[in-house]
Amino acid sequence: MISCRTTSVNAKMVNLASNVGAISLFFIKGKIIWHIALPMSICNGLGGFLGAKMAIKRGNNFVRIFFQILMVLMLLRFAWDVLT
């Protein structure tokens, strides 16, 4: 069985590759809004760093429970959006 950490790392690598492609395209086209992009990228990097440290420190069970809680919250939010 593949651990949650391994799947998380694989997902991060795919996400990084797609982000590099998108950034390259926006940069070539001159469409990057720097005053928005820089704070977002800093917060994204910080969140990834802290999340990775927490996953390593607390292990697979924490990651699995945290992921399941987030999925339930997202499902409830989407249901709210659809039903209201």
PDB file of N, CA and C in Angstrom:
ATOM      1  N   MET A   1       0.845  -1.185   0.000  1.00  0.00           N
ATOM      2  CA  MET A   1       0.000   0.000   0.000  1.00  0.00           C
ATOM      3  C   MET A   1       0.887   1.244   0.000  1.00  0.00           C
ATOM      4  N   ILE A   2       0.549   2.186  -0.814  1.00  0.00           N
ATOM      5  CA  ILE A   2       1.303   3.433  -0.897  1.00  0.00           C
ATOM      6  C   ILE A   2       0.870   4.345   0.245  1.00  0.00           C
ATOM      7  N   SER A   3       1.846   4.959   0.897  1.00  0.00           N
ATOM      8  CA  SER A   3       1.528   5.828   2.035  1.00  0.00           C
ATOM      9  C   SER A   3       0.948   7.155   1.554  1.00  0.00           C
ATOM     10  N   CYS A   4       0.265   7.816   2.461  1.00  0.00           N
ATOM     11  CA  CYS A   4      -0.294   9.137   2.148  1.00  0.00           C
ATOM     12  C   CYS A   4       0.810  10.132   1.833  1.00  0.00           C
ATOM     13  N   ARG A   5       1.934   9.998   2.515  1.00  0.00           N
ATOM     14  CA  ARG A   5       3.048  10.909   2.255  1.00  0.00           C
ATOM     15  C   ARG A   5       3.566  10.745   0.833  1.00  0.00           C
ATOM     16  N   THR A   6       3.700   9.491   0.380  1.00  0.00           N
ATOM     17  CA  THR A   6       4.196   9.239  -0.975  1.00  0.00           C
ATOM     18  C   THR A   6       3.235   9.811  -2.007  1.00  0.00           C
ATOM     19  N   THR A   7       1.948   9.577  -1.826  1.00  0.00           N
ATOM     20  CA  THR A   7       0.984  10.119  -2.778  1.00  0.00           C
ATOM     21  C   THR A   7       0.963  11.643  -2.733  1.00  0.00           C
ATOM     22  N   SER A   8       1.153  12.215  -1.565  1.00  0.00           N
ATOM     23  CA  SER A   8       1.192  13.667  -1.435  1.00  0.00           C
ATOM     24  C   SER A   8       2.398  14.241  -2.174  1.00  0.00           C
ATOM     25  N   VAL A   9       3.556  13.591  -2.022  1.00  0.00           N
ATOM     26  CA  VAL A   9       4.757  14.059  -2.721  1.00  0.00           C
ATOM     27  C   VAL A   9       4.561  13.964  -4.229  1.00  0.00           C
ATOM     28  N   ASN A  10       3.995  12.860  -4.695  1.00  0.00           N
ATOM     29  CA  ASN A  10       3.750  12.706  -6.134  1.00  0.00           C
ATOM     30  C   ASN A  10       2.806  13.782  -6.650  1.00  0.00           C
ATOM     31  N   ALA A  11       1.760  14.078  -5.894  1.00  0.00           N
ATOM     32  CA  ALA A  11       0.815  15.120  -6.288  1.00  0.00           C
ATOM     33  C   ALA A  11       1.504  16.477  -6.334  1.00  0.00           C
ATOM     34  N   LYS A  12       2.393  16.738  -5.373  1.00  0.00           N
ATOM     35  CA  LYS A  12       3.115  18.017  -5.356  1.00  0.00           C
ATOM     36  C   LYS A  12       4.000  18.166  -6.581  1.00  0.00           C
ATOM     37  N   MET A  13       4.633  17.083  -7.004  1.00  0.00           N
ATOM     38  CA  MET A  13       5.514  17.147  -8.170  1.00  0.00           C
ATOM     39  C   MET A  13       4.719  17.440  -9.449  1.00  0.00           C
ATOM     40  N   VAL A  14       3.569  16.796  -9.588  1.00  0.00           N
ATOM     41  CA  VAL A  14       2.713  17.063 -10.751  1.00  0.00           C
ATOM     42  C   VAL A  14       2.222  18.507 -10.704  1.00  0.00           C
ATOM     43  N   ASN A  15       1.840  18.971  -9.523  1.00  0.00           N
ATOM     44  CA  ASN A  15       1.380  20.349  -9.359  1.00  0.00           C
ATOM     45  C   ASN A  15       2.492  21.338  -9.704  1.00  0.00           C
ATOM     46  N   LEU A  16       3.710  21.051  -9.257  1.00  0.00           N
ATOM     47  CA  LEU A  16       4.846  21.915  -9.561  1.00  0.00           C
ATOM     48  C   LEU A  16       5.076  22.004 -11.064  1.00  0.00           C
ATOM     49  N   ALA A  17       5.020  20.870 -11.747  1.00  0.00           N
ATOM     50  CA  ALA A  17       5.238  20.863 -13.193  1.00  0.00           C
ATOM     51  C   ALA A  17       4.179  21.693 -13.920  1.00  0.00           C
ATOM     52  N   SER A  18       2.917  21.553 -13.521  1.00  0.00           N
ATOM     53  CA  SER A  18       1.869  22.338 -14.186  1.00  0.00           C
ATOM     54  C   SER A  18       2.002  23.820 -13.855  1.00  0.00           C
ATOM     55  N   ASN A  19       2.424  24.136 -12.632  1.00  0.00           N
ATOM     56  CA  ASN A  19       2.614  25.541 -12.257  1.00  0.00           C
ATOM     57  C   ASN A  19       3.756  26.182 -13.042  1.00  0.00           C
ATOM     58  N   VAL A  20       4.847  25.444 -13.226  1.00  0.00           N
ATOM     59  CA  VAL A  20       5.972  25.978 -13.999  1.00  0.00           C
ATOM     60  C   VAL A  20       5.532  26.247 -15.436  1.00  0.00           C
ATOM     61  N   GLY A  21       4.766  25.343 -16.003  1.00  0.00           N
ATOM     62  CA  GLY A  21       4.244  25.555 -17.353  1.00  0.00           C
ATOM     63  C   GLY A  21       3.352  26.784 -17.439  1.00  0.00           C
ATOM     64  N   ALA A  22       2.463  26.940 -16.466  1.00  0.00           N
ATOM     65  CA  ALA A  22       1.557  28.094 -16.460  1.00  0.00           C
ATOM     66  C   ALA A  22       2.317  29.397 -16.258  1.00  0.00           C
ATOM     67  N   ILE A  23       3.267  29.397 -15.321  1.00  0.00           N
ATOM     68  CA  ILE A  23       4.049  30.612 -15.073  1.00  0.00           C
ATOM     69  C   ILE A  23       4.839  30.999 -16.313  1.00  0.00           C
ATOM     70  N   SER A  24       5.409  30.011 -16.987  1.00  0.00           N
ATOM     71  CA  SER A  24       6.174  30.290 -18.204  1.00  0.00           C
ATOM     72  C   SER A  24       5.294  30.949 -19.256  1.00  0.00           C
ATOM     73  N   LEU A  25       4.114  30.400 -19.451  1.00  0.00           N
ATOM     74  CA  LEU A  25       3.203  30.962 -20.453  1.00  0.00           C
ATOM     75  C   LEU A  25       2.779  32.382 -20.085  1.00  0.00           C
ATOM     76  N   PHE A  26       2.365  32.593 -18.840  1.00  0.00           N
ATOM     77  CA  PHE A  26       1.952  33.936 -18.425  1.00  0.00           C
ATOM     78  C   PHE A  26       3.103  34.930 -18.499  1.00  0.00           C
ATOM     79  N   PHE A  27       4.318  34.489 -18.168  1.00  0.00           N
ATOM     80  CA  PHE A  27       5.477  35.375 -18.227  1.00  0.00           C
ATOM     81  C   PHE A  27       5.774  35.772 -19.674  1.00  0.00           C
ATOM     82  N   ILE A  28       5.754  34.800 -20.572  1.00  0.00           N
ATOM     83  CA  ILE A  28       6.011  35.077 -21.994  1.00  0.00           C
ATOM     84  C   ILE A  28       4.973  36.050 -22.535  1.00  0.00           C
ATOM     85  N   LYS A  29       3.725  35.885 -22.132  1.00  0.00           N
ATOM     86  CA  LYS A  29       2.640  36.756 -22.607  1.00  0.00           C
ATOM     87  C   LYS A  29       2.581  38.086 -21.865  1.00  0.00           C
ATOM     88  N   GLY A  30       3.376  38.231 -20.785  1.00  0.00           N
ATOM     89  CA  GLY A  30       3.365  39.474 -20.009  1.00  0.00           C
ATOM     90  C   GLY A  30       2.087  39.687 -19.221  1.00  0.00           C
ATOM     91  N   LYS A  31       1.479  38.616 -18.770  1.00  0.00           N
ATOM     92  CA  LYS A  31       0.179  38.698 -18.103  1.00  0.00           C
ATOM     93  C   LYS A  31       0.244  38.435 -16.600  1.00  0.00           C
ATOM     94  N   ILE A  32       1.426  38.419 -16.004  1.00  0.00           N
ATOM     95  CA  ILE A  32       1.531  38.181 -14.569  1.00  0.00           C
ATOM     96  C   ILE A  32       1.216  39.473 -13.822  1.00  0.00           C
ATOM     97  N   ILE A  33       0.315  39.414 -12.877  1.00  0.00           N
ATOM     98  CA  ILE A  33      -0.020  40.554 -12.023  1.00  0.00           C
ATOM     99  C   ILE A  33       0.844  40.408 -10.774  1.00  0.00           C
ATOM    100  N   TRP A  34       1.997  41.055 -10.782  1.00  0.00           N
ATOM    101  CA  TRP A  34       3.041  40.815  -9.793  1.00  0.00           C
ATOM    102  C   TRP A  34       2.602  41.118  -8.360  1.00  0.00           C
ATOM    103  N   HIS A  35       1.818  42.179  -8.140  1.00  0.00           N
ATOM    104  CA  HIS A  35       1.431  42.523  -6.764  1.00  0.00           C
ATOM    105  C   HIS A  35       0.465  41.502  -6.159  1.00  0.00           C
ATOM    106  N   ILE A  36      -0.115  40.657  -6.985  1.00  0.00           N
ATOM    107  CA  ILE A  36      -0.937  39.558  -6.489  1.00  0.00           C
ATOM    108  C   ILE A  36      -0.138  38.256  -6.481  1.00  0.00           C
ATOM    109  N   ALA A  37       0.642  38.046  -7.531  1.00  0.00           N
ATOM    110  CA  ALA A  37       1.360  36.781  -7.699  1.00  0.00           C
ATOM    111  C   ALA A  37       2.445  36.560  -6.644  1.00  0.00           C
ATOM    112  N   LEU A  38       3.183  37.588  -6.292  1.00  0.00           N
ATOM    113  CA  LEU A  38       4.273  37.404  -5.325  1.00  0.00           C
ATOM    114  C   LEU A  38       3.788  37.020  -3.930  1.00  0.00           C
ATOM    115  N   PRO A  39       2.821  37.742  -3.347  1.00  0.00           N
ATOM    116  CA  PRO A  39       2.325  37.296  -2.037  1.00  0.00           C
ATOM    117  C   PRO A  39       1.698  35.899  -2.074  1.00  0.00           C
ATOM    118  N   MET A  40       0.993  35.586  -3.166  1.00  0.00           N
ATOM    119  CA  MET A  40       0.392  34.257  -3.283  1.00  0.00           C
ATOM    120  C   MET A  40       1.461  33.181  -3.345  1.00  0.00           C
ATOM    121  N   SER A  41       2.528  33.426  -4.091  1.00  0.00           N
ATOM    122  CA  SER A  41       3.574  32.408  -4.200  1.00  0.00           C
ATOM    123  C   SER A  41       4.319  32.233  -2.879  1.00  0.00           C
ATOM    124  N   ILE A  42       4.533  33.316  -2.153  1.00  0.00           N
ATOM    125  CA  ILE A  42       5.191  33.226  -0.850  1.00  0.00           C
ATOM    126  C   ILE A  42       4.325  32.426   0.124  1.00  0.00           C
ATOM    127  N   CYS A  43       3.044  32.736   0.177  1.00  0.00           N
ATOM    128  CA  CYS A  43       2.141  32.004   1.082  1.00  0.00           C
ATOM    129  C   CYS A  43       2.007  30.541   0.667  1.00  0.00           C
ATOM    130  N   ASN A  44       1.982  30.270  -0.628  1.00  0.00           N
ATOM    131  CA  ASN A  44       1.904  28.900  -1.113  1.00  0.00           C
ATOM    132  C   ASN A  44       3.138  28.107  -0.691  1.00  0.00           C
ATOM    133  N   GLY A  45       4.315  28.702  -0.858  1.00  0.00           N
ATOM    134  CA  GLY A  45       5.550  28.038  -0.452  1.00  0.00           C
ATOM    135  C   GLY A  45       5.610  27.804   1.045  1.00  0.00           C
ATOM    136  N   LEU A  46       5.209  28.800   1.818  1.00  0.00           N
ATOM    137  CA  LEU A  46       5.202  28.672   3.271  1.00  0.00           C
ATOM    138  C   LEU A  46       4.215  27.595   3.727  1.00  0.00           C
ATOM    139  N   GLY A  47       3.047  27.575   3.131  1.00  0.00           N
ATOM    140  CA  GLY A  47       2.056  26.555   3.469  1.00  0.00           C
ATOM    141  C   GLY A  47       2.536  25.154   3.116  1.00  0.00           C
ATOM    142  N   GLY A  48       3.178  25.019   1.971  1.00  0.00           N
ATOM    143  CA  GLY A  48       3.727  23.720   1.584  1.00  0.00           C
ATOM    144  C   GLY A  48       4.816  23.262   2.529  1.00  0.00           C
ATOM    145  N   PHE A  49       5.678  24.196   2.915  1.00  0.00           N
ATOM    146  CA  PHE A  49       6.763  23.878   3.842  1.00  0.00           C
ATOM    147  C   PHE A  49       6.219  23.429   5.197  1.00  0.00           C
ATOM    148  N   LEU A  50       5.285  24.215   5.743  1.00  0.00           N
ATOM    149  CA  LEU A  50       4.713  23.873   7.043  1.00  0.00           C
ATOM    150  C   LEU A  50       3.904  22.578   6.977  1.00  0.00           C
ATOM    151  N   GLY A  51       3.174  22.394   5.888  1.00  0.00           N
ATOM    152  CA  GLY A  51       2.401  21.172   5.732  1.00  0.00           C
ATOM    153  C   GLY A  51       3.289  19.940   5.636  1.00  0.00           C
ATOM    154  N   ALA A  52       4.396  20.054   4.917  1.00  0.00           N
ATOM    155  CA  ALA A  52       5.324  18.925   4.803  1.00  0.00           C
ATOM    156  C   ALA A  52       5.958  18.601   6.151  1.00  0.00           C
ATOM    157  N   LYS A  53       6.349  19.647   6.885  1.00  0.00           N
ATOM    158  CA  LYS A  53       6.935  19.408   8.211  1.00  0.00           C
ATOM    159  C   LYS A  53       5.926  18.731   9.132  1.00  0.00           C
ATOM    160  N   MET A  54       4.674  19.170   9.078  1.00  0.00           N
ATOM    161  CA  MET A  54       3.647  18.590   9.930  1.00  0.00           C
ATOM    162  C   MET A  54       3.368  17.145   9.530  1.00  0.00           C
ATOM    163  N   ALA A  55       3.338  16.861   8.221  1.00  0.00           N
ATOM    164  CA  ALA A  55       3.093  15.492   7.758  1.00  0.00           C
ATOM    165  C   ALA A  55       4.212  14.559   8.195  1.00  0.00           C
ATOM    166  N   ILE A  56       5.449  15.034   8.110  1.00  0.00           N
ATOM    167  CA  ILE A  56       6.581  14.210   8.532  1.00  0.00           C
ATOM    168  C   ILE A  56       6.556  14.002  10.041  1.00  0.00           C
ATOM    169  N   LYS A  57       6.238  15.049  10.772  1.00  0.00           N
ATOM    170  CA  LYS A  57       6.249  14.971  12.234  1.00  0.00           C
ATOM    171  C   LYS A  57       5.118  14.092  12.766  1.00  0.00           C
ATOM    172  N   ARG A  58       3.924  14.229  12.192  1.00  0.00           N
ATOM    173  CA  ARG A  58       2.750  13.549  12.758  1.00  0.00           C
ATOM    174  C   ARG A  58       2.394  12.244  12.062  1.00  0.00           C
ATOM    175  N   GLY A  59       2.893  12.007  10.857  1.00  0.00           N
ATOM    176  CA  GLY A  59       2.714  10.713  10.206  1.00  0.00           C
ATOM    177  C   GLY A  59       1.471  10.563   9.353  1.00  0.00           C
ATOM    178  N   ASN A  60       1.317   9.338   8.830  1.00  0.00           N
ATOM    179  CA  ASN A  60       0.249   9.034   7.879  1.00  0.00           C
ATOM    180  C   ASN A  60      -1.146   9.204   8.439  1.00  0.00           C
ATOM    181  N   ASN A  61      -1.355   8.785   9.666  1.00  0.00           N
ATOM    182  CA  ASN A  61      -2.706   8.870  10.232  1.00  0.00           C
ATOM    183  C   ASN A  61      -3.195  10.306  10.303  1.00  0.00           C
ATOM    184  N   PHE A  62      -2.317  11.213  10.692  1.00  0.00           N
ATOM    185  CA  PHE A  62      -2.707  12.625  10.751  1.00  0.00           C
ATOM    186  C   PHE A  62      -3.070  13.142   9.365  1.00  0.00           C
ATOM    187  N   VAL A  63      -2.235  12.822   8.384  1.00  0.00           N
ATOM    188  CA  VAL A  63      -2.488  13.283   7.013  1.00  0.00           C
ATOM    189  C   VAL A  63      -3.815  12.727   6.513  1.00  0.00           C
ATOM    190  N   ARG A  64      -4.054  11.454   6.747  1.00  0.00           N
ATOM    191  CA  ARG A  64      -5.287  10.815   6.284  1.00  0.00           C
ATOM    192  C   ARG A  64      -6.519  11.460   6.929  1.00  0.00           C
ATOM    193  N   ILE A  65      -6.482  11.659   8.236  1.00  0.00           N
ATOM    194  CA  ILE A  65      -7.622  12.270   8.939  1.00  0.00           C
ATOM    195  C   ILE A  65      -7.830  13.711   8.486  1.00  0.00           C
ATOM    196  N   PHE A  66      -6.733  14.472   8.376  1.00  0.00           N
ATOM    197  CA  PHE A  66      -6.813  15.857   7.941  1.00  0.00           C
ATOM    198  C   PHE A  66      -7.421  15.947   6.539  1.00  0.00           C
ATOM    199  N   PHE A  67      -6.974  15.072   5.638  1.00  0.00           N
ATOM    200  CA  PHE A  67      -7.493  15.046   4.276  1.00  0.00           C
ATOM    201  C   PHE A  67      -8.981  14.714   4.266  1.00  0.00           C
ATOM    202  N   GLN A  68      -9.388  13.740   5.059  1.00  0.00           N
ATOM    203  CA  GLN A  68     -10.795  13.361   5.104  1.00  0.00           C
ATOM    204  C   GLN A  68     -11.666  14.491   5.652  1.00  0.00           C
ATOM    205  N   ILE A  69     -11.176  15.186   6.661  1.00  0.00           N
ATOM    206  CA  ILE A  69     -11.925  16.328   7.202  1.00  0.00           C
ATOM    207  C   ILE A  69     -12.080  17.412   6.145  1.00  0.00           C
ATOM    208  N   LEU A  70     -10.994  17.704   5.425  1.00  0.00           N
ATOM    209  CA  LEU A  70     -11.070  18.717   4.370  1.00  0.00           C
ATOM    210  C   LEU A  70     -12.043  18.314   3.270  1.00  0.00           C
ATOM    211  N   MET A  71     -12.056  17.038   2.904  1.00  0.00           N
ATOM    212  CA  MET A  71     -12.968  16.576   1.858  1.00  0.00           C
ATOM    213  C   MET A  71     -14.423  16.719   2.298  1.00  0.00           C
ATOM    214  N   VAL A  72     -14.716  16.400   3.544  1.00  0.00           N
ATOM    215  CA  VAL A  72     -16.085  16.553   4.057  1.00  0.00           C
ATOM    216  C   VAL A  72     -16.484  18.027   4.060  1.00  0.00           C
ATOM    217  N   LEU A  73     -15.567  18.896   4.503  1.00  0.00           N
ATOM    218  CA  LEU A  73     -15.866  20.330   4.516  1.00  0.00           C
ATOM    219  C   LEU A  73     -16.096  20.869   3.106  1.00  0.00           C
ATOM    220  N   MET A  74     -15.285  20.429   2.152  1.00  0.00           N
ATOM    221  CA  MET A  74     -15.482  20.872   0.768  1.00  0.00           C
ATOM    222  C   MET A  74     -16.806  20.354   0.205  1.00  0.00           C
ATOM    223  N   LEU A  75     -17.136  19.112   0.514  1.00  0.00           N
ATOM    224  CA  LEU A  75     -18.402  18.548   0.059  1.00  0.00           C
ATOM    225  C   LEU A  75     -19.580  19.337   0.623  1.00  0.00           C
ATOM    226  N   LEU A  76     -19.504  19.673   1.907  1.00  0.00           N
ATOM    227  CA  LEU A  76     -20.569  20.478   2.515  1.00  0.00           C
ATOM    228  C   LEU A  76     -20.667  21.857   1.875  1.00  0.00           C
ATOM    229  N   ARG A  77     -19.525  22.466   1.594  1.00  0.00           N
ATOM    230  CA  ARG A  77     -19.549  23.782   0.951  1.00  0.00           C
ATOM    231  C   ARG A  77     -20.160  23.719  -0.443  1.00  0.00           C
ATOM    232  N   PHE A  78     -19.759  22.717  -1.229  1.00  0.00           N
ATOM    233  CA  PHE A  78     -20.312  22.591  -2.581  1.00  0.00           C
ATOM    234  C   PHE A  78     -21.802  22.281  -2.524  1.00  0.00           C
ATOM    235  N   ALA A  79     -22.221  21.447  -1.580  1.00  0.00           N
ATOM    236  CA  ALA A  79     -23.642  21.169  -1.422  1.00  0.00           C
ATOM    237  C   ALA A  79     -24.398  22.447  -1.059  1.00  0.00           C
ATOM    238  N   TRP A  80     -23.821  23.258  -0.187  1.00  0.00           N
ATOM    239  CA  TRP A  80     -24.432  24.538   0.186  1.00  0.00           C
ATOM    240  C   TRP A  80     -24.582  25.438  -1.032  1.00  0.00           C
ATOM    241  N   ASP A  81     -23.533  25.512  -1.846  1.00  0.00           N
ATOM    242  CA  ASP A  81     -23.585  26.350  -3.052  1.00  0.00           C
ATOM    243  C   ASP A  81     -24.648  25.873  -4.028  1.00  0.00           C
ATOM    244  N   VAL A  82     -24.815  24.571  -4.172  1.00  0.00           N
ATOM    245  CA  VAL A  82     -25.768  24.028  -5.104  1.00  0.00           C
ATOM    246  C   VAL A  82     -27.196  24.196  -4.589  1.00  0.00           C
ATOM    247  N   LEU A  83     -27.376  23.997  -3.309  1.00  0.00           N
ATOM    248  CA  LEU A  83     -28.741  23.991  -2.748  1.00  0.00           C
ATOM    249  C   LEU A  83     -29.255  25.359  -2.337  1.00  0.00           C
ATOM    250  N   THR A  84     -28.403  26.378  -2.333  1.00  0.00           N
ATOM    251  CA  THR A  84     -28.898  27.709  -1.954  1.00  0.00           C
ATOM    252  C   THR A  84     -28.905  28.654  -3.120  1.00  0.00           C
TER     253      THR A  84
END
